[in-house]
Amino acid sequence: MACKKNSIIAVLKILESNTDEQHPMTQTKIADWIADAKGCCDRKTVGRNIRFLQDLGYPIVKTPKGFYLSMKKFSLEEAEFIQKAILAANGKSGEEKSELAERLQKILYRIYLREYKEEL
């Protein structure tokens, strides 16, 4: 059972960090990534996991080239505003706010770096 849960989480993490509308991934490629990192995983298992995640409400989109996790992106100005709001908010320690802002920055950095490389 733990292996099954881990493969569901692995599919979600791969879709979150490596896909978007311009960069979908096939079930086979996702299975290969999981197999390289954690051992055995096949295309059909990935398909079942994707359907399970869709049933839970994750916005996973199927295209002729594969699957991607559809998320609304923020403009750079919106991202900066959110970071400033996190740092100015009450209810968390300064360290917790800095950690949240840093995590957001890392996520957005990956997205914008990928887009920048495409423009070159």
Protein backbone atom coordinates (compact mmCIF):
# COMPACT_ATOMS: atom_id res chain seq x y z
CA MET A 1 0.00 0.00 0.00
CA ALA A 2 2.84 2.41 0.83
CA CYS A 3 4.33 1.81 -2.63
CA LYS A 4 1.00 2.66 -4.26
CA LYS A 5 0.70 5.90 -2.28
CA ASN A 6 4.29 6.80 -3.09
CA SER A 7 3.71 6.33 -6.81
CA ILE A 8 0.63 8.59 -6.70
CA ILE A 9 2.66 11.28 -4.93
CA ALA A 10 5.53 10.79 -7.39
CA VAL A 11 3.19 11.32 -10.37
CA LEU A 12 1.81 14.49 -8.79
CA LYS A 13 5.28 15.86 -8.01
CA ILE A 14 6.51 15.17 -11.55
CA LEU A 15 3.47 16.88 -13.04
CA GLU A 16 3.83 19.85 -10.65
CA SER A 17 7.49 20.49 -11.25
CA ASN A 18 8.09 19.39 -14.85
CA THR A 19 4.98 20.06 -16.90
CA ASP A 20 2.92 22.91 -18.22
CA GLU A 21 0.80 23.56 -21.30
CA GLN A 22 3.87 23.75 -23.55
CA HIS A 23 5.62 20.81 -21.86
CA PRO A 24 3.25 17.87 -21.34
CA MET A 25 4.64 14.44 -20.45
CA THR A 26 3.50 11.05 -21.65
CA GLN A 27 2.55 8.30 -19.23
CA THR A 28 5.59 6.34 -20.41
CA LYS A 29 7.99 9.20 -19.70
CA ILE A 30 6.48 9.72 -16.23
CA ALA A 31 6.80 5.98 -15.56
CA ASP A 32 10.44 6.07 -16.67
CA TRP A 33 11.20 8.97 -14.29
CA ILE A 34 9.59 7.12 -11.39
CA ALA A 35 11.35 3.88 -12.28
CA ASP A 36 14.71 5.68 -12.41
CA ALA A 37 14.15 7.22 -8.98
CA LYS A 38 12.21 4.61 -7.02
CA GLY A 39 12.16 1.34 -8.87
CA CYS A 40 9.38 -0.32 -10.85
CA CYS A 41 6.51 1.67 -12.33
CA ASP A 42 4.67 1.12 -15.60
CA ARG A 43 2.59 3.24 -17.97
CA LYS A 44 -0.75 1.74 -16.88
CA THR A 45 -0.04 2.49 -13.22
CA VAL A 46 0.73 6.09 -14.13
CA GLY A 47 -2.56 6.27 -16.04
CA ARG A 48 -4.52 4.98 -13.04
CA ASN A 49 -2.73 7.43 -10.76
CA ILE A 50 -3.52 10.34 -13.09
CA ARG A 51 -7.21 9.38 -13.17
CA PHE A 52 -7.21 9.09 -9.36
CA LEU A 53 -5.66 12.56 -9.02
CA GLN A 54 -8.19 13.98 -11.51
CA ASP A 55 -11.01 12.44 -9.46
CA LEU A 56 -9.58 14.24 -6.40
CA GLY A 57 -9.87 17.52 -8.30
CA TYR A 58 -6.35 18.10 -9.57
CA PRO A 59 -6.52 20.00 -12.89
CA ILE A 60 -4.56 17.48 -14.96
CA VAL A 61 -5.09 18.05 -18.68
CA LYS A 62 -4.64 15.40 -21.38
CA THR A 63 -3.30 16.47 -24.78
CA PRO A 64 -2.14 14.49 -27.81
CA LYS A 65 1.44 14.99 -26.53
CA GLY A 66 0.79 13.90 -22.94
CA PHE A 67 -0.42 15.28 -19.63
CA TYR A 68 0.25 18.47 -17.70
CA LEU A 69 -0.93 20.04 -14.48
CA SER A 70 -2.83 23.20 -15.33
CA MET A 71 -2.05 25.95 -12.87
CA LYS A 72 -2.64 29.67 -13.14
CA LYS A 73 0.68 31.46 -13.30
CA PHE A 74 1.45 34.75 -11.65
CA SER A 75 3.03 37.74 -13.36
CA LEU A 76 6.33 38.87 -11.87
CA GLU A 77 4.56 41.83 -10.27
CA GLU A 78 1.95 39.55 -8.69
CA ALA A 79 4.66 37.19 -7.41
CA GLU A 80 6.56 40.09 -5.82
CA PHE A 81 3.34 41.37 -4.24
CA ILE A 82 2.59 37.94 -2.76
CA GLN A 83 6.11 37.66 -1.34
CA LYS A 84 5.84 41.11 0.25
CA ALA A 85 2.42 40.22 1.66
CA ILE A 86 3.82 37.02 3.18
CA LEU A 87 6.68 38.92 4.81
CA ALA A 88 4.33 41.63 6.18
CA ALA A 89 1.62 39.26 7.44
CA ASN A 90 0.91 38.66 11.12
CA GLY A 91 0.53 35.24 12.73
CA LYS A 92 3.85 33.67 11.72
CA SER A 93 7.35 34.20 13.02
CA GLY A 94 9.88 36.04 10.90
CA GLU A 95 11.68 32.78 10.21
CA GLU A 96 8.46 31.05 9.07
CA LYS A 97 7.58 33.97 6.79
CA SER A 98 11.06 33.99 5.28
CA GLU A 99 10.84 30.24 4.66
CA LEU A 100 7.45 30.60 2.94
CA ALA A 101 8.68 33.47 0.77
CA GLU A 102 11.80 31.49 -0.15
CA ARG A 103 9.76 28.41 -1.12
CA LEU A 104 7.52 30.55 -3.31
CA GLN A 105 10.56 32.14 -4.91
CA LYS A 106 12.07 28.73 -5.75
CA ILE A 107 8.85 27.53 -7.37
CA LEU A 108 8.44 30.68 -9.43
CA TYR A 109 12.13 30.71 -10.36
CA ARG A 110 11.82 27.27 -11.97
CA ILE A 111 8.78 28.39 -13.96
CA TYR A 112 10.27 31.65 -15.18
CA LEU A 113 13.68 30.10 -15.90
CA ARG A 114 12.01 27.49 -18.12
CA GLU A 115 10.08 30.21 -19.97
CA TYR A 116 13.21 32.35 -20.36
CA LYS A 117 15.16 29.44 -21.87
CA GLU A 118 12.36 28.89 -24.39
CA GLU A 119 12.56 32.51 -25.52
CA LEU A 120 16.29 32.25 -26.30
